[in-house]
């Protein structure tokens, strides 16, 4: 059984920042797995967990509805539209009909545009379709100044700005809740940012992927890196770069790596040919794969 944890975000959070001169902006509307995992372990204060504890990315909850990354068969209704739709049971159809036959009949209309990895949340359903809208997380910009270690006052030429996201709630999968009630997340924790409290924890029974299954990547996924984690018959998705610290603990030293790896984006679909070890990279926030018939099924399980 996997834990579903929901956090109530009490203050703005800065995370996943990229720098342009003295401006640090957030490049995502969700908390990366490395960020939320690090916050949980740091709050617990048990660094022996670095080798075993894992979490998925933490995605926004909009109006009590969990958001998820869109896949190729939950497209936007048009290129600039914020509304998305998904045929119920579409991933079961993909397994039965195969990649080429199903792709030949998609998208739903000439105007529909697959946008793999866009965060979407449910707004309704009928007998045939699930309906979604795109997540838009507001943000604020705050300026800070570096303090000189020599003078104890502001350092000349060291004014910089951070973008903070105004999240309300987030949800994520984890191997355990660690018994935590509160934690601080992201940058600026010493300046009063990033406070969160655990709102709810529940166990969820997600189907374990098996060889031959069509699986949905809830996180970024990686087939091989030094060793092979899974082989596949086909992938319907896109690639992006994995960036961020990944830490382990050997019993004496905390060791960090900051690899830059090309990975499958969250929302990619994979037909598994052979499974070797899907759990090995979960502490790095990778290879969270779930077997579902459609996104609506996943959302109902984690709500």
C-alpha atoms as a PDB file:
ATOM      1  CA  UNK A   1       0.000   0.000   0.000  1.00  0.00           C
ATOM      2  CA  UNK A   2       1.149   3.527  -0.860  1.00  0.00           C
ATOM      3  CA  UNK A   3       0.373   6.623   1.197  1.00  0.00           C
ATOM      4  CA  UNK A   4      -1.429   9.615  -0.329  1.00  0.00           C
ATOM      5  CA  UNK A   5      -0.457  12.751   1.579  1.00  0.00           C
ATOM      6  CA  UNK A   6      -2.195  16.104   1.232  1.00  0.00           C
ATOM      7  CA  UNK A   7      -0.516  19.253   2.475  1.00  0.00           C
ATOM      8  CA  UNK A   8      -2.121  22.564   3.324  1.00  0.00           C
ATOM      9  CA  UNK A   9       0.296  25.259   2.150  1.00  0.00           C
ATOM     10  CA  UNK A  10       0.213  28.153   4.587  1.00  0.00           C
ATOM     11  CA  UNK A  11       2.761  30.488   2.995  1.00  0.00           C
ATOM     12  CA  UNK A  12       4.197  31.172  -0.477  1.00  0.00           C
ATOM     13  CA  UNK A  13       6.834  28.692  -1.675  1.00  0.00           C
ATOM     14  CA  UNK A  14       9.901  29.184  -3.903  1.00  0.00           C
ATOM     15  CA  UNK A  15      11.088  26.011  -5.611  1.00  0.00           C
ATOM     16  CA  UNK A  16      12.475  24.648  -8.879  1.00  0.00           C
ATOM     17  CA  UNK A  17      14.115  28.008  -9.501  1.00  0.00           C
ATOM     18  CA  UNK A  18      16.102  28.990 -12.565  1.00  0.00           C
ATOM     19  CA  UNK A  19      18.268  32.076 -12.590  1.00  0.00           C
ATOM     20  CA  UNK A  20      18.327  34.924 -15.075  1.00  0.00           C
ATOM     21  CA  UNK A  21      20.904  37.429 -13.793  1.00  0.00           C
ATOM     22  CA  UNK A  22      19.601  38.288 -10.298  1.00  0.00           C
ATOM     23  CA  UNK A  23      16.090  36.923 -10.840  1.00  0.00           C
ATOM     24  CA  UNK A  24      15.138  33.411  -9.727  1.00  0.00           C
ATOM     25  CA  UNK A  25      11.887  32.224 -11.281  1.00  0.00           C
ATOM     26  CA  UNK A  26       9.880  29.037 -10.738  1.00  0.00           C
ATOM     27  CA  UNK A  27       9.931  26.758 -13.762  1.00  0.00           C
ATOM     28  CA  UNK A  28       7.030  24.525 -12.638  1.00  0.00           C
ATOM     29  CA  UNK A  29       3.624  24.734 -10.980  1.00  0.00           C
ATOM     30  CA  UNK A  30       4.252  21.669  -8.815  1.00  0.00           C
ATOM     31  CA  UNK A  31       6.746  20.691  -6.127  1.00  0.00           C
ATOM     32  CA  UNK A  32       9.470  18.429  -7.561  1.00  0.00           C
ATOM     33  CA  UNK A  33       9.867  15.076  -5.823  1.00  0.00           C
ATOM     34  CA  UNK A  34      13.391  15.993  -4.640  1.00  0.00           C
ATOM     35  CA  UNK A  35      12.026  19.127  -2.944  1.00  0.00           C
ATOM     36  CA  UNK A  36       9.157  17.459  -1.081  1.00  0.00           C
ATOM     37  CA  UNK A  37      11.241  14.388  -0.177  1.00  0.00           C
ATOM     38  CA  UNK A  38      14.058  16.569   1.169  1.00  0.00           C
ATOM     39  CA  UNK A  39      11.614  18.613   3.263  1.00  0.00           C
ATOM     40  CA  UNK A  40      10.057  15.463   4.757  1.00  0.00           C
ATOM     41  CA  UNK A  41      13.410  13.878   5.642  1.00  0.00           C
ATOM     42  CA  UNK A  42      14.875  17.135   6.954  1.00  0.00           C
ATOM     43  CA  UNK A  43      11.856  17.693   9.211  1.00  0.00           C
ATOM     44  CA  UNK A  44      12.044  14.107  10.469  1.00  0.00           C
ATOM     45  CA  UNK A  45      15.778  14.530  11.068  1.00  0.00           C
ATOM     46  CA  UNK A  46      16.590  10.936  10.116  1.00  0.00           C
ATOM     47  CA  UNK A  47      19.055  10.950   7.223  1.00  0.00           C
ATOM     48  CA  UNK A  48      19.229   7.158   7.114  1.00  0.00           C
ATOM     49  CA  UNK A  49      15.960   7.505   5.169  1.00  0.00           C
ATOM     50  CA  UNK A  50      17.827   8.954   2.190  1.00  0.00           C
ATOM     51  CA  UNK A  51      18.426   5.504   0.718  1.00  0.00           C
ATOM     52  CA  UNK A  52      14.877   4.223   1.081  1.00  0.00           C
ATOM     53  CA  UNK A  53      12.282   6.965   1.525  1.00  0.00           C
ATOM     54  CA  UNK A  54      10.574   8.273  -1.590  1.00  0.00           C
ATOM     55  CA  UNK A  55       7.815  10.590  -2.738  1.00  0.00           C
ATOM     56  CA  UNK A  56       6.301  11.451  -6.083  1.00  0.00           C
ATOM     57  CA  UNK A  57       6.110  15.090  -7.203  1.00  0.00           C
ATOM     58  CA  UNK A  58       3.493  17.067  -5.254  1.00  0.00           C
ATOM     59  CA  UNK A  59       0.747  18.361  -7.547  1.00  0.00           C
ATOM     60  CA  UNK A  60      -1.744  21.177  -6.800  1.00  0.00           C
ATOM     61  CA  UNK A  61      -5.229  20.483  -5.475  1.00  0.00           C
ATOM     62  CA  UNK A  62      -7.766  22.839  -7.053  1.00  0.00           C
ATOM     63  CA  UNK A  63     -11.156  23.129  -5.354  1.00  0.00           C
ATOM     64  CA  UNK A  64     -10.544  19.809  -3.518  1.00  0.00           C
ATOM     65  CA  UNK A  65      -9.796  18.121  -6.872  1.00  0.00           C
ATOM     66  CA  UNK A  66      -6.288  16.653  -7.396  1.00  0.00           C
ATOM     67  CA  UNK A  67      -4.486  17.730 -10.546  1.00  0.00           C
ATOM     68  CA  UNK A  68      -2.463  15.331 -12.690  1.00  0.00           C
ATOM     69  CA  UNK A  69      -0.189  15.600 -15.755  1.00  0.00           C
ATOM     70  CA  UNK A  70      -2.050  15.311 -19.049  1.00  0.00           C
ATOM     71  CA  UNK A  71      -1.224  12.457 -21.449  1.00  0.00           C
ATOM     72  CA  UNK A  72      -1.462  12.192 -25.242  1.00  0.00           C
ATOM     73  CA  UNK A  73      -5.109  11.065 -25.160  1.00  0.00           C
ATOM     74  CA  UNK A  74      -6.355  13.835 -22.834  1.00  0.00           C
ATOM     75  CA  UNK A  75      -5.756  16.740 -25.235  1.00  0.00           C
ATOM     76  CA  UNK A  76      -6.692  20.389 -25.058  1.00  0.00           C
ATOM     77  CA  UNK A  77      -9.774  21.119 -27.163  1.00  0.00           C
ATOM     78  CA  UNK A  78      -7.681  23.536 -29.265  1.00  0.00           C
ATOM     79  CA  UNK A  79      -4.181  24.958 -29.275  1.00  0.00           C
ATOM     80  CA  UNK A  80      -4.915  27.869 -26.925  1.00  0.00           C
ATOM     81  CA  UNK A  81      -7.838  26.341 -25.049  1.00  0.00           C
ATOM     82  CA  UNK A  82      -7.593  25.688 -21.302  1.00  0.00           C
ATOM     83  CA  UNK A  83     -10.212  22.928 -21.445  1.00  0.00           C
ATOM     84  CA  UNK A  84      -9.187  19.286 -21.886  1.00  0.00           C
ATOM     85  CA  UNK A  85     -11.128  16.065 -22.398  1.00  0.00           C
ATOM     86  CA  UNK A  86     -10.431  12.351 -22.110  1.00  0.00           C
ATOM     87  CA  UNK A  87     -12.438   9.377 -23.283  1.00  0.00           C
ATOM     88  CA  UNK A  88     -13.209   7.059 -20.390  1.00  0.00           C
ATOM     89  CA  UNK A  89     -11.228   3.820 -20.486  1.00  0.00           C
ATOM     90  CA  UNK A  90      -8.936   5.196 -23.193  1.00  0.00           C
ATOM     91  CA  UNK A  91      -5.811   3.453 -21.871  1.00  0.00           C
ATOM     92  CA  UNK A  92      -7.582   0.092 -21.907  1.00  0.00           C
ATOM     93  CA  UNK A  93      -8.441   0.789 -25.550  1.00  0.00           C
ATOM     94  CA  UNK A  94      -4.797   1.578 -26.211  1.00  0.00           C
ATOM     95  CA  UNK A  95      -3.753  -1.832 -24.897  1.00  0.00           C
ATOM     96  CA  UNK A  96      -6.431  -3.674 -26.903  1.00  0.00           C
ATOM     97  CA  UNK A  97      -6.165  -1.765 -30.193  1.00  0.00           C
ATOM     98  CA  UNK A  98      -2.471  -0.925 -30.196  1.00  0.00           C
ATOM     99  CA  UNK A  99      -0.554   2.265 -30.743  1.00  0.00           C
ATOM    100  CA  UNK A 100      -0.869   2.667 -34.521  1.00  0.00           C
ATOM    101  CA  UNK A 101      -4.594   1.968 -34.779  1.00  0.00           C
ATOM    102  CA  UNK A 102      -5.571   4.247 -31.910  1.00  0.00           C
ATOM    103  CA  UNK A 103      -3.286   7.109 -32.927  1.00  0.00           C
ATOM    104  CA  UNK A 104      -4.804   6.972 -36.428  1.00  0.00           C
ATOM    105  CA  UNK A 105      -8.170   7.968 -34.923  1.00  0.00           C
ATOM    106  CA  UNK A 106      -6.834  10.795 -32.730  1.00  0.00           C
ATOM    107  CA  UNK A 107      -7.048  13.529 -31.724  1.00  0.00           C
ATOM    108  CA  UNK A 108     -10.798  13.851 -31.099  1.00  0.00           C
ATOM    109  CA  UNK A 109     -11.070  16.647 -33.646  1.00  0.00           C
ATOM    110  CA  UNK A 110      -8.680  18.497 -35.973  1.00  0.00           C
ATOM    111  CA  UNK A 111      -8.511  21.332 -33.416  1.00  0.00           C
ATOM    112  CA  UNK A 112      -7.615  19.138 -30.415  1.00  0.00           C
ATOM    113  CA  UNK A 113      -3.964  19.382 -29.328  1.00  0.00           C
ATOM    114  CA  UNK A 114      -2.189  16.831 -27.107  1.00  0.00           C
ATOM    115  CA  UNK A 115      -0.161  18.673 -24.448  1.00  0.00           C
ATOM    116  CA  UNK A 116       1.723  16.008 -22.556  1.00  0.00           C
ATOM    117  CA  UNK A 117       2.635  17.019 -19.009  1.00  0.00           C
ATOM    118  CA  UNK A 118       0.256  19.973 -18.648  1.00  0.00           C
ATOM    119  CA  UNK A 119      -1.291  19.967 -15.184  1.00  0.00           C
ATOM    120  CA  UNK A 120      -5.064  19.502 -15.394  1.00  0.00           C
ATOM    121  CA  UNK A 121      -7.818  19.013 -12.824  1.00  0.00           C
ATOM    122  CA  UNK A 122     -11.296  17.496 -13.218  1.00  0.00           C
ATOM    123  CA  UNK A 123     -14.343  19.714 -13.715  1.00  0.00           C
ATOM    124  CA  UNK A 124     -16.966  17.164 -14.769  1.00  0.00           C
ATOM    125  CA  UNK A 125     -17.800  13.937 -16.555  1.00  0.00           C
ATOM    126  CA  UNK A 126     -20.536  12.229 -18.544  1.00  0.00           C
ATOM    127  CA  UNK A 127     -21.069   8.684 -19.756  1.00  0.00           C
ATOM    128  CA  UNK A 128     -18.282   8.898 -22.339  1.00  0.00           C
ATOM    129  CA  UNK A 129     -15.817  11.623 -21.325  1.00  0.00           C
ATOM    130  CA  UNK A 130     -13.892  13.107 -18.407  1.00  0.00           C
ATOM    131  CA  UNK A 131     -13.539  16.900 -18.591  1.00  0.00           C
ATOM    132  CA  UNK A 132     -10.603  18.911 -17.237  1.00  0.00           C
ATOM    133  CA  UNK A 133      -9.179  22.421 -17.070  1.00  0.00           C
ATOM    134  CA  UNK A 134      -5.591  23.574 -16.996  1.00  0.00           C
ATOM    135  CA  UNK A 135      -4.034  24.471 -13.648  1.00  0.00           C
ATOM    136  CA  UNK A 136      -2.814  28.031 -13.298  1.00  0.00           C
ATOM    137  CA  UNK A 137      -0.912  28.807 -10.104  1.00  0.00           C
ATOM    138  CA  UNK A 138      -0.525  32.521  -9.231  1.00  0.00           C
ATOM    139  CA  UNK A 139       2.785  33.855  -7.937  1.00  0.00           C
ATOM    140  CA  UNK A 140       4.384  36.864  -6.281  1.00  0.00           C
ATOM    141  CA  UNK A 141       7.846  38.412  -6.647  1.00  0.00           C
ATOM    142  CA  UNK A 142       9.838  39.470  -3.575  1.00  0.00           C
ATOM    143  CA  UNK A 143      13.225  41.165  -3.473  1.00  0.00           C
ATOM    144  CA  UNK A 144      16.032  40.284  -1.096  1.00  0.00           C
ATOM    145  CA  UNK A 145      19.530  41.545  -0.425  1.00  0.00           C
ATOM    146  CA  UNK A 146      22.624  39.567   0.542  1.00  0.00           C
ATOM    147  CA  UNK A 147      24.176  40.356   3.952  1.00  0.00           C
ATOM    148  CA  UNK A 148      27.915  40.891   4.172  1.00  0.00           C
ATOM    149  CA  UNK A 149      29.681  38.567   6.634  1.00  0.00           C
ATOM    150  CA  UNK A 150      32.196  41.315   7.366  1.00  0.00           C
ATOM    151  CA  UNK A 151      29.928  44.307   7.968  1.00  0.00           C
ATOM    152  CA  UNK A 152      26.662  42.622   8.958  1.00  0.00           C
ATOM    153  CA  UNK A 153      24.775  44.950   6.618  1.00  0.00           C
ATOM    154  CA  UNK A 154      23.549  44.714   3.050  1.00  0.00           C
ATOM    155  CA  UNK A 155      26.108  43.752   0.400  1.00  0.00           C
ATOM    156  CA  UNK A 156      26.429  46.219  -2.464  1.00  0.00           C
ATOM    157  CA  UNK A 157      25.276  44.949  -5.845  1.00  0.00           C
ATOM    158  CA  UNK A 158      23.683  41.843  -4.317  1.00  0.00           C
ATOM    159  CA  UNK A 159      19.984  42.663  -4.681  1.00  0.00           C
ATOM    160  CA  UNK A 160      18.076  39.659  -6.027  1.00  0.00           C
ATOM    161  CA  UNK A 161      14.464  38.546  -6.477  1.00  0.00           C
ATOM    162  CA  UNK A 162      12.600  35.258  -6.040  1.00  0.00           C
ATOM    163  CA  UNK A 163       9.296  34.161  -7.519  1.00  0.00           C
ATOM    164  CA  UNK A 164       7.084  32.475  -4.909  1.00  0.00           C
ATOM    165  CA  UNK A 165       4.141  30.287  -5.894  1.00  0.00           C
ATOM    166  CA  UNK A 166       0.795  30.723  -4.113  1.00  0.00           C
ATOM    167  CA  UNK A 167      -0.283  27.127  -3.727  1.00  0.00           C
ATOM    168  CA  UNK A 168      -3.245  26.251  -1.537  1.00  0.00           C
ATOM    169  CA  UNK A 169      -3.025  22.458  -1.270  1.00  0.00           C
ATOM    170  CA  UNK A 170      -0.869  19.765  -2.868  1.00  0.00           C
ATOM    171  CA  UNK A 171      -1.012  15.973  -2.976  1.00  0.00           C
ATOM    172  CA  UNK A 172       1.666  13.340  -3.519  1.00  0.00           C
ATOM    173  CA  UNK A 173       2.407   9.633  -3.127  1.00  0.00           C
ATOM    174  CA  UNK A 174       4.924   8.544  -0.503  1.00  0.00           C
ATOM    175  CA  UNK A 175       6.328   5.392   1.008  1.00  0.00           C
ATOM    176  CA  UNK A 176       5.359   6.733   4.463  1.00  0.00           C
ATOM    177  CA  UNK A 177       4.039   9.880   6.137  1.00  0.00           C
ATOM    178  CA  UNK A 178       6.856   9.709   8.755  1.00  0.00           C
ATOM    179  CA  UNK A 179       4.392  10.797  11.433  1.00  0.00           C
ATOM    180  CA  UNK A 180       4.823  14.461  10.518  1.00  0.00           C
ATOM    181  CA  UNK A 181       2.254  17.175  11.135  1.00  0.00           C
ATOM    182  CA  UNK A 182       4.107  20.265   9.901  1.00  0.00           C
ATOM    183  CA  UNK A 183       7.103  21.004   7.685  1.00  0.00           C
ATOM    184  CA  UNK A 184       8.845  23.778   5.795  1.00  0.00           C
ATOM    185  CA  UNK A 185       9.483  23.510   2.077  1.00  0.00           C
ATOM    186  CA  UNK A 186      11.615  25.220  -0.527  1.00  0.00           C
ATOM    187  CA  UNK A 187      13.738  28.361  -0.417  1.00  0.00           C
ATOM    188  CA  UNK A 188      13.388  31.267   1.975  1.00  0.00           C
ATOM    189  CA  UNK A 189      12.435  29.120   4.977  1.00  0.00           C
ATOM    190  CA  UNK A 190      14.429  31.382   7.299  1.00  0.00           C
ATOM    191  CA  UNK A 191      12.568  34.403   5.913  1.00  0.00           C
ATOM    192  CA  UNK A 192       9.132  33.065   6.818  1.00  0.00           C
ATOM    193  CA  UNK A 193       8.266  31.220   3.602  1.00  0.00           C
ATOM    194  CA  UNK A 194       7.323  27.629   2.836  1.00  0.00           C
ATOM    195  CA  UNK A 195       5.332  26.603   5.903  1.00  0.00           C
ATOM    196  CA  UNK A 196       2.930  23.672   5.389  1.00  0.00           C
ATOM    197  CA  UNK A 197       0.907  21.265   7.481  1.00  0.00           C
ATOM    198  CA  UNK A 198      -0.180  17.707   6.808  1.00  0.00           C
ATOM    199  CA  UNK A 199      -3.894  17.884   6.103  1.00  0.00           C
ATOM    200  CA  UNK A 200      -4.621  14.199   5.494  1.00  0.00           C
ATOM    201  CA  UNK A 201      -2.951  10.842   4.991  1.00  0.00           C
ATOM    202  CA  UNK A 202      -4.597   7.767   3.535  1.00  0.00           C
ATOM    203  CA  UNK A 203      -3.522   4.478   2.054  1.00  0.00           C
ATOM    204  CA  UNK A 204      -4.263   3.762  -1.575  1.00  0.00           C
ATOM    205  CA  UNK A 205      -4.030   0.471  -3.437  1.00  0.00           C
ATOM    206  CA  UNK A 206      -2.601   1.213  -6.883  1.00  0.00           C
ATOM    207  CA  UNK A 207      -2.239  -1.647  -9.340  1.00  0.00           C
ATOM    208  CA  UNK A 208       1.392  -2.725  -9.640  1.00  0.00           C
ATOM    209  CA  UNK A 209       2.623  -2.480 -13.237  1.00  0.00           C
ATOM    210  CA  UNK A 210       3.229  -5.824 -14.934  1.00  0.00           C
ATOM    211  CA  UNK A 211       5.028  -6.753 -18.114  1.00  0.00           C
ATOM    212  CA  UNK A 212       2.783  -6.100 -21.120  1.00  0.00           C
ATOM    213  CA  UNK A 213       0.823  -3.340 -19.342  1.00  0.00           C
ATOM    214  CA  UNK A 214       0.240   0.180 -20.614  1.00  0.00           C
ATOM    215  CA  UNK A 215       1.359   2.431 -17.756  1.00  0.00           C
ATOM    216  CA  UNK A 216       1.075   6.152 -17.078  1.00  0.00           C
ATOM    217  CA  UNK A 217       4.079   8.110 -15.807  1.00  0.00           C
ATOM    218  CA  UNK A 218       2.950  10.108 -12.776  1.00  0.00           C
ATOM    219  CA  UNK A 219       6.526  11.386 -12.479  1.00  0.00           C
ATOM    220  CA  UNK A 220       9.409  11.673 -14.881  1.00  0.00           C
ATOM    221  CA  UNK A 221      10.537   8.203 -15.978  1.00  0.00           C
ATOM    222  CA  UNK A 222      13.905   6.773 -17.014  1.00  0.00           C
ATOM    223  CA  UNK A 223      14.384   3.407 -18.794  1.00  0.00           C
ATOM    224  CA  UNK A 224      18.115   3.092 -18.112  1.00  0.00           C
ATOM    225  CA  UNK A 225      20.961   4.961 -16.442  1.00  0.00           C
ATOM    226  CA  UNK A 226      24.034   2.819 -15.911  1.00  0.00           C
ATOM    227  CA  UNK A 227      21.679  -0.145 -15.654  1.00  0.00           C
ATOM    228  CA  UNK A 228      18.318  -0.938 -17.231  1.00  0.00           C
ATOM    229  CA  UNK A 229      15.178  -0.388 -15.138  1.00  0.00           C
ATOM    230  CA  UNK A 230      12.622  -1.372 -17.760  1.00  0.00           C
ATOM    231  CA  UNK A 231      12.355  -2.221 -21.453  1.00  0.00           C
ATOM    232  CA  UNK A 232       9.404  -1.060 -23.530  1.00  0.00           C
ATOM    233  CA  UNK A 233       7.534  -1.890 -26.720  1.00  0.00           C
ATOM    234  CA  UNK A 234       6.536   1.724 -27.334  1.00  0.00           C
ATOM    235  CA  UNK A 235       6.354   5.126 -25.680  1.00  0.00           C
ATOM    236  CA  UNK A 236       3.815   7.867 -26.385  1.00  0.00           C
ATOM    237  CA  UNK A 237       5.219  10.948 -24.732  1.00  0.00           C
ATOM    238  CA  UNK A 238       8.000  13.468 -24.835  1.00  0.00           C
ATOM    239  CA  UNK A 239      11.385  14.000 -23.210  1.00  0.00           C
ATOM    240  CA  UNK A 240      12.820  16.694 -20.975  1.00  0.00           C
ATOM    241  CA  UNK A 241      15.838  17.205 -18.721  1.00  0.00           C
ATOM    242  CA  UNK A 242      15.996  15.948 -15.140  1.00  0.00           C
ATOM    243  CA  UNK A 243      17.586  18.651 -13.004  1.00  0.00           C
ATOM    244  CA  UNK A 244      18.050  18.828  -9.252  1.00  0.00           C
ATOM    245  CA  UNK A 245      19.891  17.358  -6.325  1.00  0.00           C
ATOM    246  CA  UNK A 246      19.587  13.663  -5.543  1.00  0.00           C
ATOM    247  CA  UNK A 247      21.112  12.648  -2.192  1.00  0.00           C
ATOM    248  CA  UNK A 248      22.007   9.338  -0.590  1.00  0.00           C
ATOM    249  CA  UNK A 249      23.438   8.377   2.805  1.00  0.00           C
ATOM    250  CA  UNK A 250      26.097   5.684   3.229  1.00  0.00           C
ATOM    251  CA  UNK A 251      25.913   5.615   7.027  1.00  0.00           C
ATOM    252  CA  UNK A 252      28.719   8.134   7.437  1.00  0.00           C
ATOM    253  CA  UNK A 253      28.416  10.774   4.750  1.00  0.00           C
ATOM    254  CA  UNK A 254      25.540  12.427   2.955  1.00  0.00           C
ATOM    255  CA  UNK A 255      26.482  12.357  -0.706  1.00  0.00           C
ATOM    256  CA  UNK A 256      24.844  14.541  -3.324  1.00  0.00           C
ATOM    257  CA  UNK A 257      24.641  14.292  -7.077  1.00  0.00           C
ATOM    258  CA  UNK A 258      23.200  16.821  -9.478  1.00  0.00           C
ATOM    259  CA  UNK A 259      22.870  14.932 -12.741  1.00  0.00           C
ATOM    260  CA  UNK A 260      21.459  16.328 -15.960  1.00  0.00           C
ATOM    261  CA  UNK A 261      19.647  13.430 -17.633  1.00  0.00           C
ATOM    262  CA  UNK A 262      17.197  13.205 -20.509  1.00  0.00           C
ATOM    263  CA  UNK A 263      14.045  11.564 -19.121  1.00  0.00           C
ATOM    264  CA  UNK A 264      10.463  10.887 -20.142  1.00  0.00           C
ATOM    265  CA  UNK A 265       8.113  13.668 -19.051  1.00  0.00           C
ATOM    266  CA  UNK A 266       5.350  13.064 -16.554  1.00  0.00           C
ATOM    267  CA  UNK A 267       2.230  12.172 -18.529  1.00  0.00           C
ATOM    268  CA  UNK A 268       4.089   9.853 -20.917  1.00  0.00           C
ATOM    269  CA  UNK A 269       2.546   6.455 -21.673  1.00  0.00           C
ATOM    270  CA  UNK A 270       4.707   3.333 -21.806  1.00  0.00           C
ATOM    271  CA  UNK A 271       3.959  -0.234 -22.853  1.00  0.00           C
ATOM    272  CA  UNK A 272       6.224  -2.298 -20.631  1.00  0.00           C
ATOM    273  CA  UNK A 273       8.076  -5.141 -22.302  1.00  0.00           C
ATOM    274  CA  UNK A 274      10.325  -6.197 -19.415  1.00  0.00           C
ATOM    275  CA  UNK A 275      10.530  -4.945 -15.820  1.00  0.00           C
ATOM    276  CA  UNK A 276      13.866  -5.077 -14.022  1.00  0.00           C
ATOM    277  CA  UNK A 277      13.669  -2.605 -11.124  1.00  0.00           C
ATOM    278  CA  UNK A 278      11.100   0.216 -11.034  1.00  0.00           C
ATOM    279  CA  UNK A 279      11.754   1.063  -7.372  1.00  0.00           C
ATOM    280  CA  UNK A 280      15.479   1.782  -7.575  1.00  0.00           C
ATOM    281  CA  UNK A 281      15.083   5.391  -8.763  1.00  0.00           C
ATOM    282  CA  UNK A 282      11.998   6.295  -6.718  1.00  0.00           C
ATOM    283  CA  UNK A 283      14.152   8.071  -4.075  1.00  0.00           C
ATOM    284  CA  UNK A 284      15.242  10.322  -6.969  1.00  0.00           C
ATOM    285  CA  UNK A 285      11.586  10.981  -7.834  1.00  0.00           C
ATOM    286  CA  UNK A 286      11.673   8.844 -10.978  1.00  0.00           C
ATOM    287  CA  UNK A 287       9.672   5.893 -12.368  1.00  0.00           C
ATOM    288  CA  UNK A 288       6.388   6.390 -10.542  1.00  0.00           C
ATOM    289  CA  UNK A 289       4.314   4.335 -12.976  1.00  0.00           C
ATOM    290  CA  UNK A 290       0.672   3.424 -12.442  1.00  0.00           C
ATOM    291  CA  UNK A 291      -1.687   1.169 -14.342  1.00  0.00           C
ATOM    292  CA  UNK A 292      -4.997   2.963 -14.902  1.00  0.00           C
ATOM    293  CA  UNK A 293      -7.841   2.914 -17.404  1.00  0.00           C
ATOM    294  CA  UNK A 294      -7.923   6.739 -17.517  1.00  0.00           C
ATOM    295  CA  UNK A 295      -6.965   9.762 -15.438  1.00  0.00           C
ATOM    296  CA  UNK A 296     -10.397   9.842 -13.847  1.00  0.00           C
ATOM    297  CA  UNK A 297      -9.709   6.478 -12.212  1.00  0.00           C
ATOM    298  CA  UNK A 298      -6.432   7.736 -10.686  1.00  0.00           C
ATOM    299  CA  UNK A 299      -8.028  10.950  -9.427  1.00  0.00           C
ATOM    300  CA  UNK A 300     -10.862   9.065  -7.718  1.00  0.00           C
ATOM    301  CA  UNK A 301      -8.365   6.787  -5.968  1.00  0.00           C
ATOM    302  CA  UNK A 302      -6.266   9.608  -4.514  1.00  0.00           C
ATOM    303  CA  UNK A 303      -9.119  12.028  -3.646  1.00  0.00           C
END
